[in-house]
Amino acid sequence: MARQRLLREEALMISTLEYLPTGLFPEIFEEALTDRRTTILTAMVASWPFPCLPAGALIKMPCLETLKALLDGLDMLIAEKLHP
């Protein structure tokens, strides 16, 4: 229930990403992807705590907005130079 509330309230979700346990990232990422929460996806990609991002599911989805959210998040990572 808490995950669903976070996904409904984008500002709250984005503000809590730095405190979110890393084990919850994949599950919430998948839910945000399924629900097409592009703002949350962009923020999650930019703060992704793992060396690998499961972007394969995005390629299978015909939604261009979701793919754009992924690319925007990657742009943020590159601009901040947080990850190699």
C-alpha atoms as a PDB file:
ATOM      1  CA  MET A   1       0.000   0.000   0.000  1.00  0.00           C
ATOM      2  CA  ALA A   2       2.881   2.345   0.771  1.00  0.00           C
ATOM      3  CA  ARG A   3       4.400   1.714  -2.689  1.00  0.00           C
ATOM      4  CA  GLN A   4       1.116   2.562  -4.371  1.00  0.00           C
ATOM      5  CA  ARG A   5       0.859   5.821  -2.418  1.00  0.00           C
ATOM      6  CA  LEU A   6       4.402   6.759  -3.387  1.00  0.00           C
ATOM      7  CA  LEU A   7       3.661   6.055  -7.031  1.00  0.00           C
ATOM      8  CA  ARG A   8       0.492   8.169  -6.920  1.00  0.00           C
ATOM      9  CA  GLU A   9       2.268  11.104  -5.301  1.00  0.00           C
ATOM     10  CA  GLU A  10       5.147  11.834  -7.651  1.00  0.00           C
ATOM     11  CA  ALA A  11       6.698  14.680  -5.666  1.00  0.00           C
ATOM     12  CA  LEU A  12       6.790  12.549  -2.517  1.00  0.00           C
ATOM     13  CA  MET A  13       8.282   9.619  -4.403  1.00  0.00           C
ATOM     14  CA  ILE A  14      10.993  11.704  -6.010  1.00  0.00           C
ATOM     15  CA  SER A  15      11.904  13.378  -2.721  1.00  0.00           C
ATOM     16  CA  THR A  16      12.302  10.006  -0.977  1.00  0.00           C
ATOM     17  CA  LEU A  17      14.443   8.299  -3.632  1.00  0.00           C
ATOM     18  CA  GLU A  18      17.695   9.004  -1.809  1.00  0.00           C
ATOM     19  CA  TYR A  19      16.310   7.315   1.328  1.00  0.00           C
ATOM     20  CA  LEU A  20      14.670   4.383  -0.459  1.00  0.00           C
ATOM     21  CA  PRO A  21      16.277   1.022   0.368  1.00  0.00           C
ATOM     22  CA  THR A  22      18.097  -0.243  -2.719  1.00  0.00           C
ATOM     23  CA  GLY A  23      16.214  -3.533  -2.560  1.00  0.00           C
ATOM     24  CA  LEU A  24      12.967  -1.701  -3.340  1.00  0.00           C
ATOM     25  CA  PHE A  25      14.282   0.085  -6.433  1.00  0.00           C
ATOM     26  CA  PRO A  26      13.704  -2.723  -8.968  1.00  0.00           C
ATOM     27  CA  GLU A  27      10.177  -3.452  -7.761  1.00  0.00           C
ATOM     28  CA  ILE A  28       9.098   0.192  -7.709  1.00  0.00           C
ATOM     29  CA  PHE A  29      10.834   0.788 -11.048  1.00  0.00           C
ATOM     30  CA  GLU A  30       8.835  -2.045 -12.572  1.00  0.00           C
ATOM     31  CA  GLU A  31       5.564  -0.695 -11.173  1.00  0.00           C
ATOM     32  CA  ALA A  32       6.347   2.826 -12.390  1.00  0.00           C
ATOM     33  CA  LEU A  33       7.163   1.370 -15.788  1.00  0.00           C
ATOM     34  CA  THR A  34       3.919  -0.606 -15.930  1.00  0.00           C
ATOM     35  CA  ASP A  35       1.860   2.406 -14.800  1.00  0.00           C
ATOM     36  CA  ARG A  36       3.769   4.698 -17.213  1.00  0.00           C
ATOM     37  CA  ARG A  37       4.822   7.120 -14.480  1.00  0.00           C
ATOM     38  CA  THR A  38       7.373   8.888 -16.661  1.00  0.00           C
ATOM     39  CA  THR A  39       8.385  11.564 -14.142  1.00  0.00           C
ATOM     40  CA  ILE A  40       9.134   8.917 -11.533  1.00  0.00           C
ATOM     41  CA  LEU A  41      10.986   6.775 -14.087  1.00  0.00           C
ATOM     42  CA  THR A  42      13.224   9.680 -15.063  1.00  0.00           C
ATOM     43  CA  ALA A  43      14.080  10.388 -11.418  1.00  0.00           C
ATOM     44  CA  MET A  44      14.662   6.705 -10.645  1.00  0.00           C
ATOM     45  CA  VAL A  45      17.013   6.237 -13.597  1.00  0.00           C
ATOM     46  CA  ALA A  46      18.966   9.318 -12.528  1.00  0.00           C
ATOM     47  CA  SER A  47      19.411   7.893  -9.020  1.00  0.00           C
ATOM     48  CA  TRP A  48      19.652   4.186  -9.933  1.00  0.00           C
ATOM     49  CA  PRO A  49      21.893   2.540  -7.291  1.00  0.00           C
ATOM     50  CA  PHE A  50      22.956  -0.514  -9.332  1.00  0.00           C
ATOM     51  CA  PRO A  51      25.583  -0.823 -12.087  1.00  0.00           C
ATOM     52  CA  CYS A  52      23.026  -2.287 -14.505  1.00  0.00           C
ATOM     53  CA  LEU A  53      19.637  -0.860 -15.478  1.00  0.00           C
ATOM     54  CA  PRO A  54      16.977  -3.336 -16.684  1.00  0.00           C
ATOM     55  CA  ALA A  55      15.978  -1.437 -19.803  1.00  0.00           C
ATOM     56  CA  GLY A  56      15.020  -4.496 -21.829  1.00  0.00           C
ATOM     57  CA  ALA A  57      11.390  -4.227 -20.750  1.00  0.00           C
ATOM     58  CA  LEU A  58      11.283  -0.691 -22.134  1.00  0.00           C
ATOM     59  CA  ILE A  59      12.261  -1.865 -25.583  1.00  0.00           C
ATOM     60  CA  LYS A  60       9.348  -4.308 -25.625  1.00  0.00           C
ATOM     61  CA  MET A  61       6.865  -1.568 -24.728  1.00  0.00           C
ATOM     62  CA  PRO A  62       5.500   0.474 -27.626  1.00  0.00           C
ATOM     63  CA  CYS A  63       5.268   3.632 -25.495  1.00  0.00           C
ATOM     64  CA  LEU A  64       7.631   6.318 -26.754  1.00  0.00           C
ATOM     65  CA  GLU A  65       7.050   8.465 -23.647  1.00  0.00           C
ATOM     66  CA  THR A  66       8.424   5.730 -21.405  1.00  0.00           C
ATOM     67  CA  LEU A  67      11.553   5.355 -23.516  1.00  0.00           C
ATOM     68  CA  LYS A  68      11.998   9.132 -23.471  1.00  0.00           C
ATOM     69  CA  ALA A  69      11.780   9.080 -19.648  1.00  0.00           C
ATOM     70  CA  LEU A  70      14.596   6.518 -19.563  1.00  0.00           C
ATOM     71  CA  LEU A  71      16.762   8.597 -21.886  1.00  0.00           C
ATOM     72  CA  ASP A  72      16.070  11.776 -19.887  1.00  0.00           C
ATOM     73  CA  GLY A  73      17.197  10.003 -16.716  1.00  0.00           C
ATOM     74  CA  LEU A  74      20.364   8.818 -18.432  1.00  0.00           C
ATOM     75  CA  ASP A  75      21.031  12.369 -19.613  1.00  0.00           C
ATOM     76  CA  MET A  76      20.756  13.527 -16.011  1.00  0.00           C
ATOM     77  CA  LEU A  77      23.289  10.889 -14.942  1.00  0.00           C
ATOM     78  CA  ILE A  78      25.726  11.927 -17.634  1.00  0.00           C
ATOM     79  CA  ALA A  79      25.309  15.615 -16.821  1.00  0.00           C
ATOM     80  CA  GLU A  80      25.938  15.040 -13.116  1.00  0.00           C
ATOM     81  CA  LYS A  81      28.758  12.553 -13.815  1.00  0.00           C
ATOM     82  CA  LEU A  82      27.679  10.450 -10.836  1.00  0.00           C
ATOM     83  CA  HIS A  83      28.217   7.131 -12.611  1.00  0.00           C
ATOM     84  CA  PRO A  84      30.707   6.072 -15.234  1.00  0.00           C
END
